[in-house]
Amino acid sequence: MTKYFMTWEVDPNRVPVGLKERGTLWSGMMEMIKQNIKEGRTSDWGCFVGETRGYSVGEQSELDLAKDLQRYYPFVTFKVHQVMSIDEMAEVAKSLTE
C-alpha cells in the first residue's frame, strides 16, 4: 500500500463566522478523520496550534485517497506527498553501488 504525507489548510473564506456554525463544521470534519483512523486509512493526524493548518499520514490506494480528500472539498485543500520507507530508500541507495 502506498504511504502519503499530506499537509492541509482550511480555506478561511469558507469557514462560518458564527461560533456555533464553525463548531458544527469542525465537529463534522473531526468525525470523518476519526473514522479514517479507525479504518486504518489515516495513521497520524495533527493540527498546528493556533492555525487552521496541519498534517496527515496515511496508507491507501491513489483512488481511495482521492475519494477521501474530495469529502473535505471545498473547505480544505491538501498538498500530497508520496513517501518511501527507510527500507525502500536503502534499496535505492544500494542500487547506486551496483
PDB file of N, CA and C in Angstrom:
ATOM      1  N   MET A   1       0.849  -1.181   0.000  1.00  0.00           N
ATOM      2  CA  MET A   1       0.000   0.000   0.000  1.00  0.00           C
ATOM      3  C   MET A   1       0.893   1.241   0.000  1.00  0.00           C
ATOM      4  N   THR A   2       0.486   2.243  -0.712  1.00  0.00           N
ATOM      5  CA  THR A   2       1.257   3.477  -0.823  1.00  0.00           C
ATOM      6  C   THR A   2       1.023   4.356   0.403  1.00  0.00           C
ATOM      7  N   LYS A   3       2.109   4.950   0.888  1.00  0.00           N
ATOM      8  CA  LYS A   3       2.044   5.817   2.063  1.00  0.00           C
ATOM      9  C   LYS A   3       2.151   7.276   1.619  1.00  0.00           C
ATOM     10  N   TYR A   4       1.362   8.136   2.274  1.00  0.00           N
ATOM     11  CA  TYR A   4       1.320   9.552   1.915  1.00  0.00           C
ATOM     12  C   TYR A   4       1.492  10.424   3.159  1.00  0.00           C
ATOM     13  N   PHE A   5       2.248  11.499   2.977  1.00  0.00           N
ATOM     14  CA  PHE A   5       2.321  12.585   3.961  1.00  0.00           C
ATOM     15  C   PHE A   5       1.610  13.767   3.318  1.00  0.00           C
ATOM     16  N   MET A   6       0.648  14.328   4.035  1.00  0.00           N
ATOM     17  CA  MET A   6      -0.135  15.430   3.480  1.00  0.00           C
ATOM     18  C   MET A   6      -0.154  16.603   4.442  1.00  0.00           C
ATOM     19  N   THR A   7      -0.097  17.787   3.894  1.00  0.00           N
ATOM     20  CA  THR A   7      -0.400  18.968   4.685  1.00  0.00           C
ATOM     21  C   THR A   7      -1.757  19.465   4.213  1.00  0.00           C
ATOM     22  N   TRP A   8      -2.501  20.011   5.135  1.00  0.00           N
ATOM     23  CA  TRP A   8      -3.837  20.502   4.798  1.00  0.00           C
ATOM     24  C   TRP A   8      -4.013  21.917   5.349  1.00  0.00           C
ATOM     25  N   GLU A   9      -4.940  22.636   4.723  1.00  0.00           N
ATOM     26  CA  GLU A   9      -5.240  24.001   5.152  1.00  0.00           C
ATOM     27  C   GLU A   9      -6.709  24.294   4.900  1.00  0.00           C
ATOM     28  N   VAL A  10      -7.369  24.823   5.920  1.00  0.00           N
ATOM     29  CA  VAL A  10      -8.772  25.214   5.800  1.00  0.00           C
ATOM     30  C   VAL A  10      -8.842  26.553   5.082  1.00  0.00           C
ATOM     31  N   ASP A  11      -9.771  26.675   4.150  1.00  0.00           N
ATOM     32  CA  ASP A  11      -9.982  27.933   3.430  1.00  0.00           C
ATOM     33  C   ASP A  11     -10.752  28.893   4.345  1.00  0.00           C
ATOM     34  N   PRO A  12     -10.102  29.970   4.810  1.00  0.00           N
ATOM     35  CA  PRO A  12     -10.777  30.876   5.755  1.00  0.00           C
ATOM     36  C   PRO A  12     -12.003  31.559   5.159  1.00  0.00           C
ATOM     37  N   ASN A  13     -12.087  31.633   3.842  1.00  0.00           N
ATOM     38  CA  ASN A  13     -13.239  32.257   3.197  1.00  0.00           C
ATOM     39  C   ASN A  13     -14.475  31.369   3.233  1.00  0.00           C
ATOM     40  N   ARG A  14     -14.284  30.099   3.577  1.00  0.00           N
ATOM     41  CA  ARG A  14     -15.407  29.151   3.610  1.00  0.00           C
ATOM     42  C   ARG A  14     -15.845  28.797   5.031  1.00  0.00           C
ATOM     43  N   VAL A  15     -15.126  29.288   6.014  1.00  0.00           N
ATOM     44  CA  VAL A  15     -15.437  28.965   7.408  1.00  0.00           C
ATOM     45  C   VAL A  15     -16.508  29.923   7.926  1.00  0.00           C
ATOM     46  N   PRO A  16     -17.553  29.392   8.551  1.00  0.00           N
ATOM     47  CA  PRO A  16     -18.589  30.269   9.103  1.00  0.00           C
ATOM     48  C   PRO A  16     -18.019  31.203  10.170  1.00  0.00           C
ATOM     49  N   VAL A  17     -18.555  32.406  10.238  1.00  0.00           N
ATOM     50  CA  VAL A  17     -18.117  33.390  11.220  1.00  0.00           C
ATOM     51  C   VAL A  17     -18.657  33.042  12.599  1.00  0.00           C
ATOM     52  N   GLY A  18     -19.902  32.578  12.658  1.00  0.00           N
ATOM     53  CA  GLY A  18     -20.530  32.253  13.940  1.00  0.00           C
ATOM     54  C   GLY A  18     -19.868  31.057  14.610  1.00  0.00           C
ATOM     55  N   LEU A  19     -19.678  31.161  15.930  1.00  0.00           N
ATOM     56  CA  LEU A  19     -19.003  30.099  16.676  1.00  0.00           C
ATOM     57  C   LEU A  19     -19.746  28.762  16.579  1.00  0.00           C
ATOM     58  N   LYS A  20     -21.051  28.777  16.724  1.00  0.00           N
ATOM     59  CA  LYS A  20     -21.829  27.540  16.687  1.00  0.00           C
ATOM     60  C   LYS A  20     -21.716  26.851  15.332  1.00  0.00           C
ATOM     61  N   GLU A  21     -21.862  27.615  14.264  1.00  0.00           N
ATOM     62  CA  GLU A  21     -21.759  27.048  12.922  1.00  0.00           C
ATOM     63  C   GLU A  21     -20.338  26.533  12.653  1.00  0.00           C
ATOM     64  N   ARG A  22     -19.352  27.288  13.119  1.00  0.00           N
ATOM     65  CA  ARG A  22     -17.954  26.880  12.935  1.00  0.00           C
ATOM     66  C   ARG A  22     -17.680  25.597  13.716  1.00  0.00           C
ATOM     67  N   GLY A  23     -18.216  25.516  14.924  1.00  0.00           N
ATOM     68  CA  GLY A  23     -18.065  24.307  15.732  1.00  0.00           C
ATOM     69  C   GLY A  23     -18.703  23.098  15.075  1.00  0.00           C
ATOM     70  N   THR A  24     -19.847  23.305  14.457  1.00  0.00           N
ATOM     71  CA  THR A  24     -20.529  22.222  13.745  1.00  0.00           C
ATOM     72  C   THR A  24     -19.681  21.737  12.570  1.00  0.00           C
ATOM     73  N   LEU A  25     -19.099  22.669  11.826  1.00  0.00           N
ATOM     74  CA  LEU A  25     -18.235  22.311  10.691  1.00  0.00           C
ATOM     75  C   LEU A  25     -17.032  21.502  11.165  1.00  0.00           C
ATOM     76  N   TRP A  26     -16.324  22.007  12.173  1.00  0.00           N
ATOM     77  CA  TRP A  26     -15.138  21.306  12.690  1.00  0.00           C
ATOM     78  C   TRP A  26     -15.505  19.940  13.247  1.00  0.00           C
ATOM     79  N   SER A  27     -16.615  19.855  13.973  1.00  0.00           N
ATOM     80  CA  SER A  27     -17.038  18.580  14.549  1.00  0.00           C
ATOM     81  C   SER A  27     -17.300  17.541  13.463  1.00  0.00           C
ATOM     82  N   GLY A  28     -17.923  17.969  12.389  1.00  0.00           N
ATOM     83  CA  GLY A  28     -18.176  17.051  11.275  1.00  0.00           C
ATOM     84  C   GLY A  28     -16.886  16.545  10.649  1.00  0.00           C
ATOM     85  N   MET A  29     -15.928  17.438  10.475  1.00  0.00           N
ATOM     86  CA  MET A  29     -14.646  17.024   9.907  1.00  0.00           C
ATOM     87  C   MET A  29     -13.897  16.105  10.868  1.00  0.00           C
ATOM     88  N   MET A  30     -13.968  16.389  12.176  1.00  0.00           N
ATOM     89  CA  MET A  30     -13.276  15.539  13.161  1.00  0.00           C
ATOM     90  C   MET A  30     -13.840  14.126  13.141  1.00  0.00           C
ATOM     91  N   GLU A  31     -15.145  13.997  12.975  1.00  0.00           N
ATOM     92  CA  GLU A  31     -15.762  12.668  12.909  1.00  0.00           C
ATOM     93  C   GLU A  31     -15.283  11.902  11.677  1.00  0.00           C
ATOM     94  N   MET A  32     -15.156  12.581  10.540  1.00  0.00           N
ATOM     95  CA  MET A  32     -14.648  11.915   9.335  1.00  0.00           C
ATOM     96  C   MET A  32     -13.206  11.465   9.538  1.00  0.00           C
ATOM     97  N   ILE A  33     -12.399  12.296  10.165  1.00  0.00           N
ATOM     98  CA  ILE A  33     -10.998  11.962  10.416  1.00  0.00           C
ATOM     99  C   ILE A  33     -10.906  10.783  11.380  1.00  0.00           C
ATOM    100  N   LYS A  34     -11.683  10.800  12.444  1.00  0.00           N
ATOM    101  CA  LYS A  34     -11.693   9.688  13.396  1.00  0.00           C
ATOM    102  C   LYS A  34     -12.089   8.381  12.715  1.00  0.00           C
ATOM    103  N   GLN A  35     -13.034   8.456  11.803  1.00  0.00           N
ATOM    104  CA  GLN A  35     -13.459   7.265  11.067  1.00  0.00           C
ATOM    105  C   GLN A  35     -12.312   6.737  10.199  1.00  0.00           C
ATOM    106  N   ASN A  36     -11.581   7.641   9.541  1.00  0.00           N
ATOM    107  CA  ASN A  36     -10.430   7.228   8.732  1.00  0.00           C
ATOM    108  C   ASN A  36      -9.361   6.565   9.596  1.00  0.00           C
ATOM    109  N   ILE A  37      -9.140   7.084  10.809  1.00  0.00           N
ATOM    110  CA  ILE A  37      -8.165   6.489  11.720  1.00  0.00           C
ATOM    111  C   ILE A  37      -8.646   5.104  12.159  1.00  0.00           C
ATOM    112  N   LYS A  38      -9.906   5.007  12.517  1.00  0.00           N
ATOM    113  CA  LYS A  38     -10.486   3.732  12.949  1.00  0.00           C
ATOM    114  C   LYS A  38     -10.358   2.676  11.848  1.00  0.00           C
ATOM    115  N   GLU A  39     -10.545   3.083  10.599  1.00  0.00           N
ATOM    116  CA  GLU A  39     -10.497   2.145   9.472  1.00  0.00           C
ATOM    117  C   GLU A  39      -9.075   1.909   8.965  1.00  0.00           C
ATOM    118  N   GLY A  40      -8.086   2.602   9.557  1.00  0.00           N
ATOM    119  CA  GLY A  40      -6.693   2.372   9.179  1.00  0.00           C
ATOM    120  C   GLY A  40      -6.212   3.130   7.956  1.00  0.00           C
ATOM    121  N   ARG A  41      -7.015   4.018   7.425  1.00  0.00           N
ATOM    122  CA  ARG A  41      -6.591   4.807   6.257  1.00  0.00           C
ATOM    123  C   ARG A  41      -5.700   5.970   6.670  1.00  0.00           C
ATOM    124  N   THR A  42      -5.881   6.457   7.892  1.00  0.00           N
ATOM    125  CA  THR A  42      -5.051   7.522   8.446  1.00  0.00           C
ATOM    126  C   THR A  42      -4.343   6.969   9.673  1.00  0.00           C
ATOM    127  N   SER A  43      -3.010   7.124   9.701  1.00  0.00           N
ATOM    128  CA  SER A  43      -2.250   6.620  10.852  1.00  0.00           C
ATOM    129  C   SER A  43      -1.838   7.740  11.803  1.00  0.00           C
ATOM    130  N   ASP A  44      -1.796   8.963  11.311  1.00  0.00           N
ATOM    131  CA  ASP A  44      -1.444  10.092  12.168  1.00  0.00           C
ATOM    132  C   ASP A  44      -2.095  11.343  11.598  1.00  0.00           C
ATOM    133  N   TRP A  45      -2.533  12.225  12.481  1.00  0.00           N
ATOM    134  CA  TRP A  45      -3.190  13.475  12.079  1.00  0.00           C
ATOM    135  C   TRP A  45      -2.894  14.514  13.134  1.00  0.00           C
ATOM    136  N   GLY A  46      -2.669  15.740  12.711  1.00  0.00           N
ATOM    137  CA  GLY A  46      -2.443  16.806  13.669  1.00  0.00           C
ATOM    138  C   GLY A  46      -2.799  18.165  13.097  1.00  0.00           C
ATOM    139  N   CYS A  47      -3.143  19.078  14.007  1.00  0.00           N
ATOM    140  CA  CYS A  47      -3.455  20.462  13.659  1.00  0.00           C
ATOM    141  C   CYS A  47      -2.414  21.346  14.329  1.00  0.00           C
ATOM    142  N   PHE A  48      -1.813  22.262  13.586  1.00  0.00           N
ATOM    143  CA  PHE A  48      -0.827  23.167  14.160  1.00  0.00           C
ATOM    144  C   PHE A  48      -1.540  24.125  15.109  1.00  0.00           C
ATOM    145  N   VAL A  49      -1.018  24.255  16.313  1.00  0.00           N
ATOM    146  CA  VAL A  49      -1.645  25.066  17.358  1.00  0.00           C
ATOM    147  C   VAL A  49      -1.805  26.512  16.888  1.00  0.00           C
ATOM    148  N   GLY A  50      -3.015  27.040  17.043  1.00  0.00           N
ATOM    149  CA  GLY A  50      -3.288  28.426  16.693  1.00  0.00           C
ATOM    150  C   GLY A  50      -3.454  28.671  15.207  1.00  0.00           C
ATOM    151  N   GLU A  51      -3.526  27.609  14.423  1.00  0.00           N
ATOM    152  CA  GLU A  51      -3.656  27.751  12.970  1.00  0.00           C
ATOM    153  C   GLU A  51      -4.805  26.887  12.471  1.00  0.00           C
ATOM    154  N   THR A  52      -5.153  27.085  11.236  1.00  0.00           N
ATOM    155  CA  THR A  52      -6.141  26.227  10.578  1.00  0.00           C
ATOM    156  C   THR A  52      -5.432  25.404   9.504  1.00  0.00           C
ATOM    157  N   ARG A  53      -4.265  24.900   9.902  1.00  0.00           N
ATOM    158  CA  ARG A  53      -3.460  24.047   9.022  1.00  0.00           C
ATOM    159  C   ARG A  53      -2.933  22.886   9.857  1.00  0.00           C
ATOM    160  N   GLY A  54      -2.521  21.831   9.160  1.00  0.00           N
ATOM    161  CA  GLY A  54      -1.968  20.690   9.859  1.00  0.00           C
ATOM    162  C   GLY A  54      -1.427  19.661   8.893  1.00  0.00           C
ATOM    163  N   TYR A  55      -1.349  18.417   9.370  1.00  0.00           N
ATOM    164  CA  TYR A  55      -0.778  17.347   8.563  1.00  0.00           C
ATOM    165  C   TYR A  55      -1.563  16.061   8.783  1.00  0.00           C
ATOM    166  N   SER A  56      -1.346  15.115   7.896  1.00  0.00           N
ATOM    167  CA  SER A  56      -1.955  13.803   7.989  1.00  0.00           C
ATOM    168  C   SER A  56      -1.026  12.798   7.338  1.00  0.00           C
ATOM    169  N   VAL A  57      -0.992  11.588   7.876  1.00  0.00           N
ATOM    170  CA  VAL A  57      -0.215  10.495   7.299  1.00  0.00           C
ATOM    171  C   VAL A  57      -1.160   9.321   7.121  1.00  0.00           C
ATOM    172  N   GLY A  58      -1.094   8.694   5.969  1.00  0.00           N
ATOM    173  CA  GLY A  58      -1.967   7.548   5.748  1.00  0.00           C
ATOM    174  C   GLY A  58      -1.475   6.643   4.650  1.00  0.00           C
ATOM    175  N   GLU A  59      -2.062   5.452   4.617  1.00  0.00           N
ATOM    176  CA  GLU A  59      -1.743   4.464   3.596  1.00  0.00           C
ATOM    177  C   GLU A  59      -3.031   4.001   2.945  1.00  0.00           C
ATOM    178  N   GLN A  60      -3.086   4.149   1.636  1.00  0.00           N
ATOM    179  CA  GLN A  60      -4.218   3.661   0.855  1.00  0.00           C
ATOM    180  C   GLN A  60      -3.901   3.819  -0.618  1.00  0.00           C
ATOM    181  N   SER A  61      -4.767   3.305  -1.465  1.00  0.00           N
ATOM    182  CA  SER A  61      -4.560   3.437  -2.905  1.00  0.00           C
ATOM    183  C   SER A  61      -4.785   4.885  -3.331  1.00  0.00           C
ATOM    184  N   GLU A  62      -4.250   5.236  -4.487  1.00  0.00           N
ATOM    185  CA  GLU A  62      -4.443   6.596  -5.014  1.00  0.00           C
ATOM    186  C   GLU A  62      -5.919   6.918  -5.175  1.00  0.00           C
ATOM    187  N   LEU A  63      -6.670   5.956  -5.687  1.00  0.00           N
ATOM    188  CA  LEU A  63      -8.096   6.171  -5.925  1.00  0.00           C
ATOM    189  C   LEU A  63      -8.848   6.411  -4.617  1.00  0.00           C
ATOM    190  N   ASP A  64      -8.571   5.578  -3.600  1.00  0.00           N
ATOM    191  CA  ASP A  64      -9.241   5.762  -2.311  1.00  0.00           C
ATOM    192  C   ASP A  64      -8.851   7.081  -1.662  1.00  0.00           C
ATOM    193  N   LEU A  65      -7.576   7.461  -1.788  1.00  0.00           N
ATOM    194  CA  LEU A  65      -7.138   8.742  -1.239  1.00  0.00           C
ATOM    195  C   LEU A  65      -7.868   9.897  -1.924  1.00  0.00           C
ATOM    196  N   ALA A  66      -7.948   9.857  -3.243  1.00  0.00           N
ATOM    197  CA  ALA A  66      -8.631  10.924  -3.984  1.00  0.00           C
ATOM    198  C   ALA A  66     -10.094  11.029  -3.551  1.00  0.00           C
ATOM    199  N   LYS A  67     -10.738   9.886  -3.356  1.00  0.00           N
ATOM    200  CA  LYS A  67     -12.131   9.898  -2.896  1.00  0.00           C
ATOM    201  C   LYS A  67     -12.240  10.516  -1.505  1.00  0.00           C
ATOM    202  N   ASP A  68     -11.336  10.118  -0.605  1.00  0.00           N
ATOM    203  CA  ASP A  68     -11.364  10.664   0.759  1.00  0.00           C
ATOM    204  C   ASP A  68     -11.164  12.173   0.764  1.00  0.00           C
ATOM    205  N   LEU A  69     -10.189  12.658   0.008  1.00  0.00           N
ATOM    206  CA  LEU A  69      -9.886  14.090   0.018  1.00  0.00           C
ATOM    207  C   LEU A  69     -11.034  14.912  -0.541  1.00  0.00           C
ATOM    208  N   GLN A  70     -11.783  14.373  -1.480  1.00  0.00           N
ATOM    209  CA  GLN A  70     -12.911  15.108  -2.056  1.00  0.00           C
ATOM    210  C   GLN A  70     -14.010  15.355  -1.032  1.00  0.00           C
ATOM    211  N   ARG A  71     -14.049  14.555   0.014  1.00  0.00           N
ATOM    212  CA  ARG A  71     -15.074  14.742   1.054  1.00  0.00           C
ATOM    213  C   ARG A  71     -14.880  16.060   1.793  1.00  0.00           C
ATOM    214  N   TYR A  72     -13.669  16.589   1.797  1.00  0.00           N
ATOM    215  CA  TYR A  72     -13.364  17.823   2.525  1.00  0.00           C
ATOM    216  C   TYR A  72     -13.440  19.074   1.639  1.00  0.00           C
ATOM    217  N   TYR A  73     -13.527  18.876   0.337  1.00  0.00           N
ATOM    218  CA  TYR A  73     -13.572  19.988  -0.605  1.00  0.00           C
ATOM    219  C   TYR A  73     -14.951  20.625  -0.552  1.00  0.00           C
ATOM    220  N   PRO A  74     -15.090  21.933  -0.598  1.00  0.00           N
ATOM    221  CA  PRO A  74     -14.113  22.981  -0.875  1.00  0.00           C
ATOM    222  C   PRO A  74     -13.554  23.642   0.384  1.00  0.00           C
ATOM    223  N   PHE A  75     -13.783  23.059   1.555  1.00  0.00           N
ATOM    224  CA  PHE A  75     -13.364  23.687   2.806  1.00  0.00           C
ATOM    225  C   PHE A  75     -11.878  23.524   3.102  1.00  0.00           C
ATOM    226  N   VAL A  76     -11.287  22.428   2.622  1.00  0.00           N
ATOM    227  CA  VAL A  76      -9.900  22.110   2.937  1.00  0.00           C
ATOM    228  C   VAL A  76      -9.141  21.794   1.656  1.00  0.00           C
ATOM    229  N   THR A  77      -7.915  22.318   1.542  1.00  0.00           N
ATOM    230  CA  THR A  77      -7.043  21.964   0.425  1.00  0.00           C
ATOM    231  C   THR A  77      -5.856  21.174   0.975  1.00  0.00           C
ATOM    232  N   PHE A  78      -5.307  20.309   0.140  1.00  0.00           N
ATOM    233  CA  PHE A  78      -4.242  19.403   0.550  1.00  0.00           C
ATOM    234  C   PHE A  78      -3.039  19.509  -0.376  1.00  0.00           C
ATOM    235  N   LYS A  79      -1.864  19.304   0.181  1.00  0.00           N
ATOM    236  CA  LYS A  79      -0.642  19.053  -0.579  1.00  0.00           C
ATOM    237  C   LYS A  79      -0.254  17.626  -0.227  1.00  0.00           C
ATOM    238  N   VAL A  80      -0.185  16.767  -1.229  1.00  0.00           N
ATOM    239  CA  VAL A  80       0.012  15.339  -1.014  1.00  0.00           C
ATOM    240  C   VAL A  80       1.397  14.934  -1.509  1.00  0.00           C
ATOM    241  N   HIS A  81       2.121  14.207  -0.653  1.00  0.00           N
ATOM    242  CA  HIS A  81       3.454  13.726  -0.992  1.00  0.00           C
ATOM    243  C   HIS A  81       3.505  12.223  -0.757  1.00  0.00           C
ATOM    244  N   GLN A  82       3.805  11.462  -1.817  1.00  0.00           N
ATOM    245  CA  GLN A  82       4.019  10.029  -1.646  1.00  0.00           C
ATOM    246  C   GLN A  82       5.384   9.846  -1.004  1.00  0.00           C
ATOM    247  N   VAL A  83       5.482   8.960  -0.008  1.00  0.00           N
ATOM    248  CA  VAL A  83       6.742   8.769   0.701  1.00  0.00           C
ATOM    249  C   VAL A  83       7.206   7.318   0.613  1.00  0.00           C
ATOM    250  N   MET A  84       8.531   7.147   0.781  1.00  0.00           N
ATOM    251  CA  MET A  84       9.128   5.816   0.795  1.00  0.00           C
ATOM    252  C   MET A  84       9.606   5.503   2.201  1.00  0.00           C
ATOM    253  N   SER A  85       9.627   4.231   2.532  1.00  0.00           N
ATOM    254  CA  SER A  85      10.121   3.791   3.829  1.00  0.00           C
ATOM    255  C   SER A  85      11.656   3.807   3.826  1.00  0.00           C
ATOM    256  N   ILE A  86      12.241   3.615   4.997  1.00  0.00           N
ATOM    257  CA  ILE A  86      13.696   3.546   5.106  1.00  0.00           C
ATOM    258  C   ILE A  86      14.227   2.359   4.308  1.00  0.00           C
ATOM    259  N   ASP A  87      13.511   1.236   4.317  1.00  0.00           N
ATOM    260  CA  ASP A  87      13.949   0.063   3.561  1.00  0.00           C
ATOM    261  C   ASP A  87      13.912   0.323   2.055  1.00  0.00           C
ATOM    262  N   GLU A  88      12.890   1.023   1.595  1.00  0.00           N
ATOM    263  CA  GLU A  88      12.810   1.354   0.174  1.00  0.00           C
ATOM    264  C   GLU A  88      13.943   2.294  -0.226  1.00  0.00           C
ATOM    265  N   MET A  89      14.224   3.278   0.608  1.00  0.00           N
ATOM    266  CA  MET A  89      15.306   4.212   0.299  1.00  0.00           C
ATOM    267  C   MET A  89      16.663   3.509   0.357  1.00  0.00           C
ATOM    268  N   ALA A  90      16.830   2.544   1.268  1.00  0.00           N
ATOM    269  CA  ALA A  90      18.067   1.768   1.340  1.00  0.00           C
ATOM    270  C   ALA A  90      18.271   0.971   0.051  1.00  0.00           C
ATOM    271  N   GLU A  91      17.181   0.462  -0.505  1.00  0.00           N
ATOM    272  CA  GLU A  91      17.265  -0.262  -1.772  1.00  0.00           C
ATOM    273  C   GLU A  91      17.710   0.663  -2.897  1.00  0.00           C
ATOM    274  N   VAL A  92      17.206   1.879  -2.912  1.00  0.00           N
ATOM    275  CA  VAL A  92      17.640   2.879  -3.895  1.00  0.00           C
ATOM    276  C   VAL A  92      19.136   3.147  -3.730  1.00  0.00           C
ATOM    277  N   ALA A  93      19.584   3.355  -2.493  1.00  0.00           N
ATOM    278  CA  ALA A  93      20.989   3.623  -2.226  1.00  0.00           C
ATOM    279  C   ALA A  93      21.859   2.444  -2.672  1.00  0.00           C
ATOM    280  N   LYS A  94      21.405   1.238  -2.391  1.00  0.00           N
ATOM    281  CA  LYS A  94      22.159   0.049  -2.783  1.00  0.00           C
ATOM    282  C   LYS A  94      22.290  -0.038  -4.298  1.00  0.00           C
ATOM    283  N   SER A  95      21.228   0.335  -5.011  1.00  0.00           N
ATOM    284  CA  SER A  95      21.270   0.257  -6.486  1.00  0.00           C
ATOM    285  C   SER A  95      22.319   1.192  -7.074  1.00  0.00           C
ATOM    286  N   LEU A  96      22.682   2.220  -6.349  1.00  0.00           N
ATOM    287  CA  LEU A  96      23.683   3.164  -6.833  1.00  0.00           C
ATOM    288  C   LEU A  96      25.093   2.554  -6.868  1.00  0.00           C
ATOM    289  N   THR A  97      25.310   1.545  -6.039  1.00  0.00           N
ATOM    290  CA  THR A  97      26.634   0.936  -5.958  1.00  0.00           C
ATOM    291  C   THR A  97      26.769  -0.318  -6.822  1.00  0.00           C
ATOM    292  N   GLU A  98      25.729  -0.694  -7.485  1.00  0.00           N
ATOM    293  CA  GLU A  98      25.758  -1.919  -8.317  1.00  0.00           C
ATOM    294  C   GLU A  98      26.255  -1.616  -9.710  1.00  0.00           C
TER     295      GLU A  98
END
